[in-house]
Amino acid sequence: MITSDDLPGLDLPSVDTHSDLSGLGGVELHPDHTGPADTESVHGDHGIDVWTDLDHDGLADHVTIMDTDGDYAAWEFHHHPDGTSEWVRTDRGHLGDTGHANRSR
């Protein structure tokens, strides 16, 4: 399982493919504005995190975590009209599994 200990410089709480990110606020990235979306990929002993800033505001809007055991999960950061925000899981599963039987949000 990948945790924030594997992610130097991002100062994240402990997260892995099975985490609930509902309590996690915005995650600041260090964009270089070299493409349509700025991305930081962080490789650790247990997998990889891919944090993406789609709207160039300096905060991650999407994260995908892939563990070396084949588990993966993805979340999107949603801003609500009432001023609140939250991470919403959009996908999870295990690489190599077929169909949607293993996916749960």
PDB file of N, CA and C in Angstrom:
ATOM      1  N   MET A   1       0.824  -1.167   0.000  1.00  0.00           N
ATOM      2  CA  MET A   1       0.000   0.000   0.000  1.00  0.00           C
ATOM      3  C   MET A   1       0.876   1.241   0.000  1.00  0.00           C
ATOM      4  N   ILE A   2       0.526   2.243  -0.772  1.00  0.00           N
ATOM      5  CA  ILE A   2       1.273   3.489  -0.801  1.00  0.00           C
ATOM      6  C   ILE A   2       0.706   4.424   0.255  1.00  0.00           C
ATOM      7  N   THR A   3       1.576   5.112   0.962  1.00  0.00           N
ATOM      8  CA  THR A   3       1.157   6.068   1.972  1.00  0.00           C
ATOM      9  C   THR A   3       1.897   7.372   1.748  1.00  0.00           C
ATOM     10  N   SER A   4       1.509   8.402   2.495  1.00  0.00           N
ATOM     11  CA  SER A   4       2.170   9.690   2.337  1.00  0.00           C
ATOM     12  C   SER A   4       3.647   9.618   2.707  1.00  0.00           C
ATOM     13  N   ASP A   5       4.040   8.625   3.485  1.00  0.00           N
ATOM     14  CA  ASP A   5       5.460   8.473   3.798  1.00  0.00           C
ATOM     15  C   ASP A   5       6.282   8.207   2.547  1.00  0.00           C
ATOM     16  N   ASP A   6       5.633   7.692   1.507  1.00  0.00           N
ATOM     17  CA  ASP A   6       6.308   7.424   0.244  1.00  0.00           C
ATOM     18  C   ASP A   6       6.330   8.654  -0.666  1.00  0.00           C
ATOM     19  N   LEU A   7       5.738   9.761  -0.226  1.00  0.00           N
ATOM     20  CA  LEU A   7       5.549  10.924  -1.081  1.00  0.00           C
ATOM     21  C   LEU A   7       6.292  12.133  -0.541  1.00  0.00           C
ATOM     22  N   PRO A   8       7.596  12.188  -0.715  1.00  0.00           N
ATOM     23  CA  PRO A   8       8.358  13.305  -0.169  1.00  0.00           C
ATOM     24  C   PRO A   8       7.952  14.632  -0.802  1.00  0.00           C
ATOM     25  N   GLY A   9       7.828  15.654   0.028  1.00  0.00           N
ATOM     26  CA  GLY A   9       7.577  16.995  -0.476  1.00  0.00           C
ATOM     27  C   GLY A   9       6.124  17.351  -0.678  1.00  0.00           C
ATOM     28  N   LEU A  10       5.198  16.414  -0.582  1.00  0.00           N
ATOM     29  CA  LEU A  10       3.799  16.754  -0.799  1.00  0.00           C
ATOM     30  C   LEU A  10       3.043  17.011   0.493  1.00  0.00           C
ATOM     31  N   ASP A  11       3.601  16.662   1.646  1.00  0.00           N
ATOM     32  CA  ASP A  11       3.008  16.934   2.939  1.00  0.00           C
ATOM     33  C   ASP A  11       1.536  16.504   2.988  1.00  0.00           C
ATOM     34  N   LEU A  12       1.286  15.239   2.643  1.00  0.00           N
ATOM     35  CA  LEU A  12      -0.061  14.697   2.618  1.00  0.00           C
ATOM     36  C   LEU A  12      -0.331  13.852   3.845  1.00  0.00           C
ATOM     37  N   PRO A  13      -1.612  13.738   4.204  1.00  0.00           N
ATOM     38  CA  PRO A  13      -1.947  12.761   5.238  1.00  0.00           C
ATOM     39  C   PRO A  13      -1.761  11.358   4.663  1.00  0.00           C
ATOM     40  N   SER A  14      -1.806  10.361   5.498  1.00  0.00           N
ATOM     41  CA  SER A  14      -1.627   8.988   5.048  1.00  0.00           C
ATOM     42  C   SER A  14      -2.768   8.583   4.119  1.00  0.00           C
ATOM     43  N   VAL A  15      -2.455   8.247   2.877  1.00  0.00           N
ATOM     44  CA  VAL A  15      -3.459   7.812   1.911  1.00  0.00           C
ATOM     45  C   VAL A  15      -2.965   6.573   1.190  1.00  0.00           C
ATOM     46  N   ASP A  16      -3.910   5.731   0.802  1.00  0.00           N
ATOM     47  CA  ASP A  16      -3.610   4.582  -0.031  1.00  0.00           C
ATOM     48  C   ASP A  16      -4.834   4.313  -0.901  1.00  0.00           C
ATOM     49  N   THR A  17      -4.812   3.242  -1.677  1.00  0.00           N
ATOM     50  CA  THR A  17      -5.913   2.981  -2.601  1.00  0.00           C
ATOM     51  C   THR A  17      -7.220   2.686  -1.890  1.00  0.00           C
ATOM     52  N   HIS A  18      -7.165   2.370  -0.598  1.00  0.00           N
ATOM     53  CA  HIS A  18      -8.374   2.051   0.152  1.00  0.00           C
ATOM     54  C   HIS A  18      -8.830   3.201   1.049  1.00  0.00           C
ATOM     55  N   SER A  19      -8.177   4.346   0.964  1.00  0.00           N
ATOM     56  CA  SER A  19      -8.494   5.484   1.826  1.00  0.00           C
ATOM     57  C   SER A  19      -9.780   6.180   1.404  1.00  0.00           C
ATOM     58  N   ASP A  20     -10.385   6.840   2.375  1.00  0.00           N
ATOM     59  CA  ASP A  20     -11.501   7.738   2.146  1.00  0.00           C
ATOM     60  C   ASP A  20     -10.913   9.138   2.238  1.00  0.00           C
ATOM     61  N   LEU A  21     -10.921   9.891   1.153  1.00  0.00           N
ATOM     62  CA  LEU A  21     -10.306  11.218   1.131  1.00  0.00           C
ATOM     63  C   LEU A  21     -11.284  12.325   1.505  1.00  0.00           C
ATOM     64  N   SER A  22     -12.447  11.975   2.053  1.00  0.00           N
ATOM     65  CA  SER A  22     -13.472  12.977   2.321  1.00  0.00           C
ATOM     66  C   SER A  22     -12.998  14.076   3.269  1.00  0.00           C
ATOM     67  N   GLY A  23     -12.070  13.793   4.161  1.00  0.00           N
ATOM     68  CA  GLY A  23     -11.578  14.806   5.084  1.00  0.00           C
ATOM     69  C   GLY A  23     -10.376  15.581   4.575  1.00  0.00           C
ATOM     70  N   LEU A  24      -9.890  15.238   3.400  1.00  0.00           N
ATOM     71  CA  LEU A  24      -8.715  15.891   2.826  1.00  0.00           C
ATOM     72  C   LEU A  24      -9.144  17.113   2.034  1.00  0.00           C
ATOM     73  N   GLY A  25      -8.580  18.248   2.329  1.00  0.00           N
ATOM     74  CA  GLY A  25      -8.882  19.474   1.590  1.00  0.00           C
ATOM     75  C   GLY A  25      -8.076  19.549   0.305  1.00  0.00           C
ATOM     76  N   GLY A  26      -7.903  20.765  -0.202  1.00  0.00           N
ATOM     77  CA  GLY A  26      -7.138  20.970  -1.418  1.00  0.00           C
ATOM     78  C   GLY A  26      -5.688  20.568  -1.239  1.00  0.00           C
ATOM     79  N   VAL A  27      -5.092  20.047  -2.300  1.00  0.00           N
ATOM     80  CA  VAL A  27      -3.696  19.617  -2.291  1.00  0.00           C
ATOM     81  C   VAL A  27      -2.935  20.504  -3.265  1.00  0.00           C
ATOM     82  N   GLU A  28      -2.004  21.292  -2.722  1.00  0.00           N
ATOM     83  CA  GLU A  28      -1.248  22.221  -3.550  1.00  0.00           C
ATOM     84  C   GLU A  28      -0.190  21.487  -4.357  1.00  0.00           C
ATOM     85  N   LEU A  29      -0.158  21.797  -5.651  1.00  0.00           N
ATOM     86  CA  LEU A  29       0.873  21.265  -6.541  1.00  0.00           C
ATOM     87  C   LEU A  29       1.835  22.387  -6.888  1.00  0.00           C
ATOM     88  N   HIS A  30       2.927  22.030  -7.479  1.00  0.00           N
ATOM     89  CA  HIS A  30       3.923  23.005  -7.924  1.00  0.00           C
ATOM     90  C   HIS A  30       3.955  22.959  -9.445  1.00  0.00           C
ATOM     91  N   PRO A  31       2.964  23.603 -10.078  1.00  0.00           N
ATOM     92  CA  PRO A  31       2.814  23.481 -11.532  1.00  0.00           C
ATOM     93  C   PRO A  31       3.924  24.170 -12.311  1.00  0.00           C
ATOM     94  N   ASP A  32       4.179  23.629 -13.502  1.00  0.00           N
ATOM     95  CA  ASP A  32       5.144  24.268 -14.393  1.00  0.00           C
ATOM     96  C   ASP A  32       4.461  24.813 -15.643  1.00  0.00           C
ATOM     97  N   HIS A  33       3.141  24.622 -15.759  1.00  0.00           N
ATOM     98  CA  HIS A  33       2.328  25.159 -16.856  1.00  0.00           C
ATOM     99  C   HIS A  33       2.898  24.807 -18.228  1.00  0.00           C
ATOM    100  N   THR A  34       3.337  23.572 -18.388  1.00  0.00           N
ATOM    101  CA  THR A  34       3.931  23.156 -19.658  1.00  0.00           C
ATOM    102  C   THR A  34       2.969  22.376 -20.542  1.00  0.00           C
ATOM    103  N   GLY A  35       1.749  22.157 -20.091  1.00  0.00           N
ATOM    104  CA  GLY A  35       0.807  21.386 -20.896  1.00  0.00           C
ATOM    105  C   GLY A  35      -0.614  21.736 -20.525  1.00  0.00           C
ATOM    106  N   PRO A  36      -1.545  21.027 -21.135  1.00  0.00           N
ATOM    107  CA  PRO A  36      -2.955  21.319 -20.860  1.00  0.00           C
ATOM    108  C   PRO A  36      -3.344  21.040 -19.413  1.00  0.00           C
ATOM    109  N   ALA A  37      -2.660  20.136 -18.748  1.00  0.00           N
ATOM    110  CA  ALA A  37      -2.895  19.867 -17.325  1.00  0.00           C
ATOM    111  C   ALA A  37      -1.550  19.617 -16.659  1.00  0.00           C
ATOM    112  N   ASP A  38      -1.334  20.243 -15.511  1.00  0.00           N
ATOM    113  CA  ASP A  38      -0.087  20.025 -14.774  1.00  0.00           C
ATOM    114  C   ASP A  38      -0.242  18.808 -13.881  1.00  0.00           C
ATOM    115  N   THR A  39       0.768  17.959 -13.886  1.00  0.00           N
ATOM    116  CA  THR A  39       0.719  16.694 -13.158  1.00  0.00           C
ATOM    117  C   THR A  39       1.999  16.487 -12.372  1.00  0.00           C
ATOM    118  N   GLU A  40       1.841  15.981 -11.154  1.00  0.00           N
ATOM    119  CA  GLU A  40       2.983  15.540 -10.362  1.00  0.00           C
ATOM    120  C   GLU A  40       2.819  14.051 -10.126  1.00  0.00           C
ATOM    121  N   SER A  41       3.798  13.291 -10.569  1.00  0.00           N
ATOM    122  CA  SER A  41       3.813  11.845 -10.333  1.00  0.00           C
ATOM    123  C   SER A  41       4.833  11.568  -9.252  1.00  0.00           C
ATOM    124  N   VAL A  42       4.413  10.820  -8.249  1.00  0.00           N
ATOM    125  CA  VAL A  42       5.289  10.523  -7.133  1.00  0.00           C
ATOM    126  C   VAL A  42       5.398   9.012  -7.007  1.00  0.00           C
ATOM    127  N   HIS A  43       6.626   8.511  -7.198  1.00  0.00           N
ATOM    128  CA  HIS A  43       6.891   7.077  -7.103  1.00  0.00           C
ATOM    129  C   HIS A  43       7.387   6.760  -5.698  1.00  0.00           C
ATOM    130  N   GLY A  44       6.827   5.725  -5.099  1.00  0.00           N
ATOM    131  CA  GLY A  44       7.276   5.261  -3.791  1.00  0.00           C
ATOM    132  C   GLY A  44       7.553   3.775  -3.853  1.00  0.00           C
ATOM    133  N   ASP A  45       7.960   3.229  -2.740  1.00  0.00           N
ATOM    134  CA  ASP A  45       8.252   1.797  -2.683  1.00  0.00           C
ATOM    135  C   ASP A  45       7.016   0.940  -2.940  1.00  0.00           C
ATOM    136  N   HIS A  46       5.853   1.500  -2.691  1.00  0.00           N
ATOM    137  CA  HIS A  46       4.626   0.712  -2.774  1.00  0.00           C
ATOM    138  C   HIS A  46       3.747   1.062  -3.964  1.00  0.00           C
ATOM    139  N   GLY A  47       4.159   1.994  -4.804  1.00  0.00           N
ATOM    140  CA  GLY A  47       3.340   2.339  -5.960  1.00  0.00           C
ATOM    141  C   GLY A  47       3.606   3.742  -6.463  1.00  0.00           C
ATOM    142  N   ILE A  48       2.572   4.321  -7.081  1.00  0.00           N
ATOM    143  CA  ILE A  48       2.685   5.650  -7.679  1.00  0.00           C
ATOM    144  C   ILE A  48       1.391   6.421  -7.452  1.00  0.00           C
ATOM    145  N   ASP A  49       1.536   7.728  -7.186  1.00  0.00           N
ATOM    146  CA  ASP A  49       0.416   8.668  -7.127  1.00  0.00           C
ATOM    147  C   ASP A  49       0.563   9.612  -8.308  1.00  0.00           C
ATOM    148  N   VAL A  50      -0.534   9.917  -8.969  1.00  0.00           N
ATOM    149  CA  VAL A  50      -0.529  10.881 -10.059  1.00  0.00           C
ATOM    150  C   VAL A  50      -1.551  11.969  -9.707  1.00  0.00           C
ATOM    151  N   TRP A  51      -1.054  13.147  -9.334  1.00  0.00           N
ATOM    152  CA  TRP A  51      -1.885  14.290  -8.944  1.00  0.00           C
ATOM    153  C   TRP A  51      -1.942  15.249 -10.131  1.00  0.00           C
ATOM    154  N   THR A  52      -3.149  15.676 -10.531  1.00  0.00           N
ATOM    155  CA  THR A  52      -3.306  16.517 -11.716  1.00  0.00           C
ATOM    156  C   THR A  52      -4.110  17.770 -11.391  1.00  0.00           C
ATOM    157  N   ASP A  53      -3.603  18.911 -11.866  1.00  0.00           N
ATOM    158  CA  ASP A  53      -4.279  20.205 -11.761  1.00  0.00           C
ATOM    159  C   ASP A  53      -4.860  20.524 -13.134  1.00  0.00           C
ATOM    160  N   LEU A  54      -6.153  20.299 -13.303  1.00  0.00           N
ATOM    161  CA  LEU A  54      -6.787  20.463 -14.609  1.00  0.00           C
ATOM    162  C   LEU A  54      -7.119  21.913 -14.942  1.00  0.00           C
ATOM    163  N   ASP A  55      -7.350  22.753 -13.934  1.00  0.00           N
ATOM    164  CA  ASP A  55      -7.778  24.130 -14.196  1.00  0.00           C
ATOM    165  C   ASP A  55      -6.699  25.171 -13.901  1.00  0.00           C
ATOM    166  N   HIS A  56      -5.477  24.732 -13.649  1.00  0.00           N
ATOM    167  CA  HIS A  56      -4.313  25.608 -13.435  1.00  0.00           C
ATOM    168  C   HIS A  56      -4.499  26.597 -12.287  1.00  0.00           C
ATOM    169  N   ASP A  57      -5.176  26.167 -11.212  1.00  0.00           N
ATOM    170  CA  ASP A  57      -5.302  27.036 -10.047  1.00  0.00           C
ATOM    171  C   ASP A  57      -4.274  26.696  -8.970  1.00  0.00           C
ATOM    172  N   GLY A  58      -3.384  25.731  -9.255  1.00  0.00           N
ATOM    173  CA  GLY A  58      -2.347  25.347  -8.313  1.00  0.00           C
ATOM    174  C   GLY A  58      -2.752  24.239  -7.359  1.00  0.00           C
ATOM    175  N   LEU A  59      -4.018  23.793  -7.421  1.00  0.00           N
ATOM    176  CA  LEU A  59      -4.510  22.720  -6.565  1.00  0.00           C
ATOM    177  C   LEU A  59      -4.852  21.498  -7.403  1.00  0.00           C
ATOM    178  N   ALA A  60      -4.602  20.328  -6.863  1.00  0.00           N
ATOM    179  CA  ALA A  60      -4.933  19.094  -7.572  1.00  0.00           C
ATOM    180  C   ALA A  60      -6.445  18.960  -7.709  1.00  0.00           C
ATOM    181  N   ASP A  61      -6.898  18.556  -8.884  1.00  0.00           N
ATOM    182  CA  ASP A  61      -8.314  18.308  -9.148  1.00  0.00           C
ATOM    183  C   ASP A  61      -8.597  16.818  -9.272  1.00  0.00           C
ATOM    184  N   HIS A  62      -7.555  16.038  -9.485  1.00  0.00           N
ATOM    185  CA  HIS A  62      -7.712  14.603  -9.698  1.00  0.00           C
ATOM    186  C   HIS A  62      -6.473  13.890  -9.167  1.00  0.00           C
ATOM    187  N   VAL A  63      -6.681  12.722  -8.565  1.00  0.00           N
ATOM    188  CA  VAL A  63      -5.554  11.897  -8.140  1.00  0.00           C
ATOM    189  C   VAL A  63      -5.876  10.442  -8.465  1.00  0.00           C
ATOM    190  N   THR A  64      -4.881   9.756  -8.965  1.00  0.00           N
ATOM    191  CA  THR A  64      -4.962   8.308  -9.162  1.00  0.00           C
ATOM    192  C   THR A  64      -3.810   7.688  -8.393  1.00  0.00           C
ATOM    193  N   ILE A  65      -4.114   6.667  -7.594  1.00  0.00           N
ATOM    194  CA  ILE A  65      -3.097   5.946  -6.836  1.00  0.00           C
ATOM    195  C   ILE A  65      -3.089   4.504  -7.321  1.00  0.00           C
ATOM    196  N   MET A  66      -1.909   4.011  -7.664  1.00  0.00           N
ATOM    197  CA  MET A  66      -1.748   2.621  -8.098  1.00  0.00           C
ATOM    198  C   MET A  66      -0.720   1.959  -7.202  1.00  0.00           C
ATOM    199  N   ASP A  67      -1.138   0.898  -6.515  1.00  0.00           N
ATOM    200  CA  ASP A  67      -0.241   0.136  -5.661  1.00  0.00           C
ATOM    201  C   ASP A  67       0.466  -0.936  -6.484  1.00  0.00           C
ATOM    202  N   THR A  68       1.636  -1.367  -6.019  1.00  0.00           N
ATOM    203  CA  THR A  68       2.390  -2.387  -6.746  1.00  0.00           C
ATOM    204  C   THR A  68       1.669  -3.728  -6.775  1.00  0.00           C
ATOM    205  N   ASP A  69       0.707  -3.939  -5.868  1.00  0.00           N
ATOM    206  CA  ASP A  69      -0.045  -5.198  -5.878  1.00  0.00           C
ATOM    207  C   ASP A  69      -1.179  -5.191  -6.905  1.00  0.00           C
ATOM    208  N   GLY A  70      -1.341  -4.072  -7.642  1.00  0.00           N
ATOM    209  CA  GLY A  70      -2.351  -3.992  -8.692  1.00  0.00           C
ATOM    210  C   GLY A  70      -3.609  -3.245  -8.303  1.00  0.00           C
ATOM    211  N   ASP A  71      -3.772  -2.893  -7.028  1.00  0.00           N
ATOM    212  CA  ASP A  71      -4.928  -2.095  -6.620  1.00  0.00           C
ATOM    213  C   ASP A  71      -4.765  -0.671  -7.149  1.00  0.00           C
ATOM    214  N   TYR A  72      -5.876  -0.062  -7.548  1.00  0.00           N
ATOM    215  CA  TYR A  72      -5.855   1.333  -7.973  1.00  0.00           C
ATOM    216  C   TYR A  72      -7.118   2.025  -7.473  1.00  0.00           C
ATOM    217  N   ALA A  73      -7.047   3.340  -7.368  1.00  0.00           N
ATOM    218  CA  ALA A  73      -8.196   4.154  -6.989  1.00  0.00           C
ATOM    219  C   ALA A  73      -7.996   5.544  -7.569  1.00  0.00           C
ATOM    220  N   ALA A  74      -9.109   6.221  -7.859  1.00  0.00           N
ATOM    221  CA  ALA A  74      -9.065   7.574  -8.402  1.00  0.00           C
ATOM    222  C   ALA A  74     -10.105   8.436  -7.695  1.00  0.00           C
ATOM    223  N   TRP A  75      -9.762   9.708  -7.495  1.00  0.00           N
ATOM    224  CA  TRP A  75     -10.661  10.670  -6.874  1.00  0.00           C
ATOM    225  C   TRP A  75     -10.627  11.977  -7.664  1.00  0.00           C
ATOM    226  N   GLU A  76     -11.729  12.742  -7.582  1.00  0.00           N
ATOM    227  CA  GLU A  76     -11.807  14.095  -8.125  1.00  0.00           C
ATOM    228  C   GLU A  76     -12.167  15.044  -6.988  1.00  0.00           C
ATOM    229  N   PHE A  77     -11.595  16.257  -7.041  1.00  0.00           N
ATOM    230  CA  PHE A  77     -11.884  17.281  -6.036  1.00  0.00           C
ATOM    231  C   PHE A  77     -13.040  18.119  -6.543  1.00  0.00           C
ATOM    232  N   HIS A  78     -14.136  18.135  -5.793  1.00  0.00           N
ATOM    233  CA  HIS A  78     -15.337  18.863  -6.195  1.00  0.00           C
ATOM    234  C   HIS A  78     -15.522  20.107  -5.333  1.00  0.00           C
ATOM    235  N   HIS A  79     -15.825  21.249  -5.992  1.00  0.00           N
ATOM    236  CA  HIS A  79     -16.177  22.501  -5.324  1.00  0.00           C
ATOM    237  C   HIS A  79     -17.688  22.660  -5.441  1.00  0.00           C
ATOM    238  N   HIS A  80     -18.356  22.849  -4.316  1.00  0.00           N
ATOM    239  CA  HIS A  80     -19.813  22.969  -4.312  1.00  0.00           C
ATOM    240  C   HIS A  80     -20.235  24.435  -4.243  1.00  0.00           C
ATOM    241  N   PRO A  81     -21.440  24.764  -4.760  1.00  0.00           N
ATOM    242  CA  PRO A  81     -21.917  26.152  -4.754  1.00  0.00           C
ATOM    243  C   PRO A  81     -21.986  26.780  -3.359  1.00  0.00           C
ATOM    244  N   ASP A  82     -22.144  25.957  -2.315  1.00  0.00           N
ATOM    245  CA  ASP A  82     -22.225  26.512  -0.955  1.00  0.00           C
ATOM    246  C   ASP A  82     -20.846  26.807  -0.352  1.00  0.00           C
ATOM    247  N   GLY A  83     -19.790  26.647  -1.148  1.00  0.00           N
ATOM    248  CA  GLY A  83     -18.438  26.952  -0.691  1.00  0.00           C
ATOM    249  C   GLY A  83     -17.687  25.771  -0.104  1.00  0.00           C
ATOM    250  N   THR A  84     -18.355  24.637   0.067  1.00  0.00           N
ATOM    251  CA  THR A  84     -17.669  23.453   0.570  1.00  0.00           C
ATOM    252  C   THR A  84     -16.988  22.720  -0.577  1.00  0.00           C
ATOM    253  N   SER A  85     -16.099  21.831  -0.216  1.00  0.00           N
ATOM    254  CA  SER A  85     -15.410  21.032  -1.223  1.00  0.00           C
ATOM    255  C   SER A  85     -15.155  19.650  -0.649  1.00  0.00           C
ATOM    256  N   GLU A  86     -14.920  18.690  -1.530  1.00  0.00           N
ATOM    257  CA  GLU A  86     -14.641  17.332  -1.078  1.00  0.00           C
ATOM    258  C   GLU A  86     -14.005  16.529  -2.199  1.00  0.00           C
ATOM    259  N   TRP A  87     -13.257  15.486  -1.797  1.00  0.00           N
ATOM    260  CA  TRP A  87     -12.727  14.507  -2.733  1.00  0.00           C
ATOM    261  C   TRP A  87     -13.774  13.420  -2.899  1.00  0.00           C
ATOM    262  N   VAL A  88     -14.101  13.084  -4.137  1.00  0.00           N
ATOM    263  CA  VAL A  88     -15.096  12.058  -4.438  1.00  0.00           C
ATOM    264  C   VAL A  88     -14.411  10.938  -5.203  1.00  0.00           C
ATOM    265  N   ARG A  89     -14.512   9.711  -4.668  1.00  0.00           N
ATOM    266  CA  ARG A  89     -13.911   8.571  -5.361  1.00  0.00           C
ATOM    267  C   ARG A  89     -14.675   8.337  -6.667  1.00  0.00           C
ATOM    268  N   THR A  90     -13.930   8.234  -7.763  1.00  0.00           N
ATOM    269  CA  THR A  90     -14.549   8.018  -9.065  1.00  0.00           C
ATOM    270  C   THR A  90     -14.321   6.615  -9.606  1.00  0.00           C
ATOM    271  N   ASP A  91     -13.329   5.918  -9.060  1.00  0.00           N
ATOM    272  CA  ASP A  91     -13.042   4.577  -9.564  1.00  0.00           C
ATOM    273  C   ASP A  91     -12.114   3.869  -8.588  1.00  0.00           C
ATOM    274  N   ARG A  92     -12.194   2.551  -8.552  1.00  0.00           N
ATOM    275  CA  ARG A  92     -11.219   1.737  -7.844  1.00  0.00           C
ATOM    276  C   ARG A  92     -11.357   0.305  -8.319  1.00  0.00           C
ATOM    277  N   GLY A  93     -10.310  -0.457  -8.150  1.00  0.00           N
ATOM    278  CA  GLY A  93     -10.338  -1.841  -8.579  1.00  0.00           C
ATOM    279  C   GLY A  93      -8.962  -2.450  -8.506  1.00  0.00           C
ATOM    280  N   HIS A  94      -8.778  -3.476  -9.300  1.00  0.00           N
ATOM    281  CA  HIS A  94      -7.510  -4.192  -9.352  1.00  0.00           C
ATOM    282  C   HIS A  94      -7.160  -4.400 -10.820  1.00  0.00           C
ATOM    283  N   LEU A  95      -5.957  -4.008 -11.209  1.00  0.00           N
ATOM    284  CA  LEU A  95      -5.524  -4.174 -12.597  1.00  0.00           C
ATOM    285  C   LEU A  95      -5.613  -5.642 -12.985  1.00  0.00           C
ATOM    286  N   GLY A  96      -6.170  -5.896 -14.132  1.00  0.00           N
ATOM    287  CA  GLY A  96      -6.314  -7.261 -14.616  1.00  0.00           C
ATOM    288  C   GLY A  96      -7.702  -7.826 -14.393  1.00  0.00           C
ATOM    289  N   ASP A  97      -8.479  -7.225 -13.469  1.00  0.00           N
ATOM    290  CA  ASP A  97      -9.850  -7.675 -13.274  1.00  0.00           C
ATOM    291  C   ASP A  97     -10.696  -7.178 -14.438  1.00  0.00           C
ATOM    292  N   THR A  98     -11.646  -7.978 -14.870  1.00  0.00           N
ATOM    293  CA  THR A  98     -12.508  -7.575 -15.976  1.00  0.00           C
ATOM    294  C   THR A  98     -13.885  -7.215 -15.457  1.00  0.00           C
ATOM    295  N   GLY A  99     -14.584  -6.416 -16.234  1.00  0.00           N
ATOM    296  CA  GLY A  99     -15.936  -6.037 -15.859  1.00  0.00           C
ATOM    297  C   GLY A  99     -15.946  -5.007 -14.751  1.00  0.00           C
ATOM    298  N   HIS A 100     -17.133  -4.727 -14.262  1.00  0.00           N
ATOM    299  CA  HIS A 100     -17.310  -3.728 -13.231  1.00  0.00           C
ATOM    300  C   HIS A 100     -17.579  -4.352 -11.867  1.00  0.00           C
ATOM    301  N   ALA A 101     -17.468  -5.656 -11.747  1.00  0.00           N
ATOM    302  CA  ALA A 101     -17.786  -6.344 -10.486  1.00  0.00           C
ATOM    303  C   ALA A 101     -16.889  -5.916  -9.343  1.00  0.00           C
ATOM    304  N   ASN A 102     -15.666  -5.498  -9.640  1.00  0.00           N
ATOM    305  CA  ASN A 102     -14.716  -5.135  -8.589  1.00  0.00           C
ATOM    306  C   ASN A 102     -14.732  -3.647  -8.287  1.00  0.00           C
ATOM    307  N   ARG A 103     -15.463  -2.865  -9.046  1.00  0.00           N
ATOM    308  CA  ARG A 103     -15.447  -1.419  -8.872  1.00  0.00           C
ATOM    309  C   ARG A 103     -16.522  -0.984  -7.889  1.00  0.00           C
ATOM    310  N   SER A 104     -16.132  -0.115  -6.993  1.00  0.00           N
ATOM    311  CA  SER A 104     -17.068   0.407  -6.014  1.00  0.00           C
ATOM    312  C   SER A 104     -16.629   1.806  -5.663  1.00  0.00           C
ATOM    313  N   ARG A 105     -17.556   2.722  -5.598  1.00  0.00           N
ATOM    314  CA  ARG A 105     -17.200   4.108  -5.282  1.00  0.00           C
ATOM    315  C   ARG A 105     -17.373   4.384  -3.849  1.00  0.00           C
TER     316      ARG A 105
END
